[in-house]
Amino acid sequence: MAITLFDLDAAPPARIQGGESGLRVVIKRVTFDSSYPNTGGTVGEPITAADLGIAGIVQMFVQPAAGYVFAYDETAGTIKAYRSGASGSALAQVANAVNLSAISTTIVAIGTPSANE
């Protein structure tokens, strides 16, 4: 399975105001699936610029939710999920096949405009 993205307001990616860069900002709701991938080949939930309606991702922020912290891995093109481990230790990545389907959060992505704009 894969993550599910939902539009919050049905608006297309919005131009960032006050700049000449032509970058766009996209805000979406994301719901994770029932089997988080954390194996040798795939680590984190795949997400692409096309999934967001933009040509390229410059930066992505993912809101923490339900005790989980999320991070966009630019190199892998995935959203990784972390949860606290033992008291005082660093956050640990969620184990393979953990069911995160009850977790929903908001992502804010900044990217380059798609060719059809």
Protein backbone atom coordinates (compact mmCIF):
# COMPACT_ATOMS: atom_id res chain seq x y z
CA MET A 1 0.00 0.00 0.00
CA ALA A 2 0.98 3.66 0.02
CA ILE A 3 0.17 6.90 1.74
CA THR A 4 -3.01 8.72 0.81
CA LEU A 5 -2.96 12.46 0.13
CA PHE A 6 -5.96 14.75 0.55
CA ASP A 7 -6.38 18.35 -0.59
CA LEU A 8 -7.25 20.69 2.23
CA ASP A 9 -8.87 23.34 0.07
CA ALA A 10 -8.95 22.11 -3.55
CA ALA A 11 -6.60 24.93 -4.53
CA PRO A 12 -3.66 24.27 -6.86
CA PRO A 13 -0.11 24.83 -5.58
CA ALA A 14 0.13 28.50 -4.61
CA ARG A 15 2.88 30.88 -5.70
CA ILE A 16 5.04 32.01 -2.78
CA GLN A 17 4.47 35.71 -2.28
CA GLY A 18 7.25 38.28 -2.12
CA GLY A 19 9.82 36.35 -4.09
CA GLU A 20 11.03 36.10 -7.66
CA SER A 21 11.92 32.41 -7.44
CA GLY A 22 8.64 31.13 -8.83
CA LEU A 23 8.43 28.50 -6.09
CA ARG A 24 5.10 27.00 -5.07
CA VAL A 25 3.76 25.91 -1.70
CA VAL A 26 1.49 22.88 -1.33
CA ILE A 27 -0.39 21.93 1.82
CA LYS A 28 -1.94 18.47 1.99
CA ARG A 29 -3.30 16.03 4.54
CA VAL A 30 -1.52 12.66 4.52
CA THR A 31 -2.74 9.35 5.94
CA PHE A 32 -0.25 6.54 6.30
CA ASP A 33 -0.90 2.93 5.33
CA SER A 34 -1.19 -0.31 7.28
CA SER A 35 2.38 -1.52 6.72
CA TYR A 36 5.21 0.99 7.19
CA PRO A 37 8.14 0.01 4.94
CA ASN A 38 11.45 -0.28 6.76
CA THR A 39 13.50 -2.92 4.97
CA GLY A 40 16.87 -2.81 3.23
CA GLY A 41 15.43 -1.62 -0.08
CA THR A 42 12.72 0.75 1.06
CA VAL A 43 12.79 2.90 4.16
CA GLY A 44 9.83 5.22 4.65
CA GLU A 45 6.72 6.01 2.67
CA PRO A 46 7.48 7.08 -0.93
CA ILE A 47 6.25 10.51 -2.03
CA THR A 48 7.03 12.34 -5.26
CA ALA A 49 6.73 15.89 -6.53
CA ALA A 50 4.11 14.64 -9.01
CA ASP A 51 2.02 13.37 -6.06
CA LEU A 52 1.94 16.99 -4.88
CA GLY A 53 1.28 18.60 -8.27
CA ILE A 54 4.71 20.23 -8.55
CA ALA A 55 7.80 19.54 -10.66
CA GLY A 56 10.34 19.25 -7.85
CA ILE A 57 10.49 19.29 -4.06
CA VAL A 58 12.79 21.89 -2.53
CA GLN A 59 11.73 21.36 1.10
CA MET A 60 9.01 19.46 2.95
CA PHE A 61 7.77 19.80 6.51
CA VAL A 62 5.64 17.09 8.11
CA GLN A 63 3.68 17.87 11.27
CA PRO A 64 4.19 15.46 14.21
CA ALA A 65 1.06 13.49 15.13
CA ALA A 66 -0.12 10.92 17.67
CA GLY A 67 3.30 10.61 19.30
CA TYR A 68 5.16 10.18 16.00
CA VAL A 69 7.70 12.55 14.45
CA PHE A 70 8.10 12.54 10.66
CA ALA A 71 10.94 13.63 8.42
CA TYR A 72 11.20 13.97 4.65
CA ASP A 73 14.27 12.13 3.30
CA GLU A 74 15.20 14.15 0.23
CA THR A 75 17.68 11.56 -1.08
CA ALA A 76 15.28 8.61 -0.86
CA GLY A 77 12.10 10.57 -1.65
CA THR A 78 10.32 9.17 1.39
CA ILE A 79 8.64 10.29 4.59
CA LYS A 80 10.21 8.51 7.54
CA ALA A 81 8.37 7.92 10.82
CA TYR A 82 10.06 8.05 14.23
CA ARG A 83 8.90 7.37 17.77
CA SER A 84 10.60 7.74 21.13
CA GLY A 85 12.55 4.78 22.39
CA ALA A 86 13.94 4.35 25.87
CA SER A 87 13.90 7.37 28.16
CA GLY A 88 16.62 9.82 27.18
CA SER A 89 17.50 8.08 23.92
CA ALA A 90 17.25 9.44 20.39
CA LEU A 91 14.11 8.82 18.38
CA ALA A 92 13.99 5.41 16.71
CA GLN A 93 12.58 4.80 13.26
CA VAL A 94 9.36 2.80 13.24
CA ALA A 95 9.89 -0.92 12.63
CA ASN A 96 8.98 -2.63 9.36
CA ALA A 97 5.27 -3.44 8.81
CA VAL A 98 3.96 -1.33 11.72
CA ASN A 99 0.35 -0.27 11.08
CA LEU A 100 0.18 3.54 10.87
CA SER A 101 -3.18 3.68 9.08
CA ALA A 102 -4.78 5.55 12.00
CA ILE A 103 -2.17 8.32 11.71
CA SER A 104 -3.04 11.40 9.70
CA THR A 105 -1.08 14.65 9.60
CA THR A 106 -0.37 17.72 7.48
CA ILE A 107 2.53 18.25 5.10
CA VAL A 108 3.76 21.56 3.71
CA ALA A 109 5.94 21.25 0.62
CA ILE A 110 7.82 23.96 -1.21
CA GLY A 111 8.72 23.17 -4.79
CA THR A 112 9.22 24.19 -8.36
CA PRO A 113 6.13 24.71 -10.53
CA SER A 114 4.94 22.00 -12.88
CA ALA A 115 5.41 22.49 -16.62
CA ASN A 116 1.68 23.06 -17.23
CA GLU A 117 1.51 26.25 -15.16
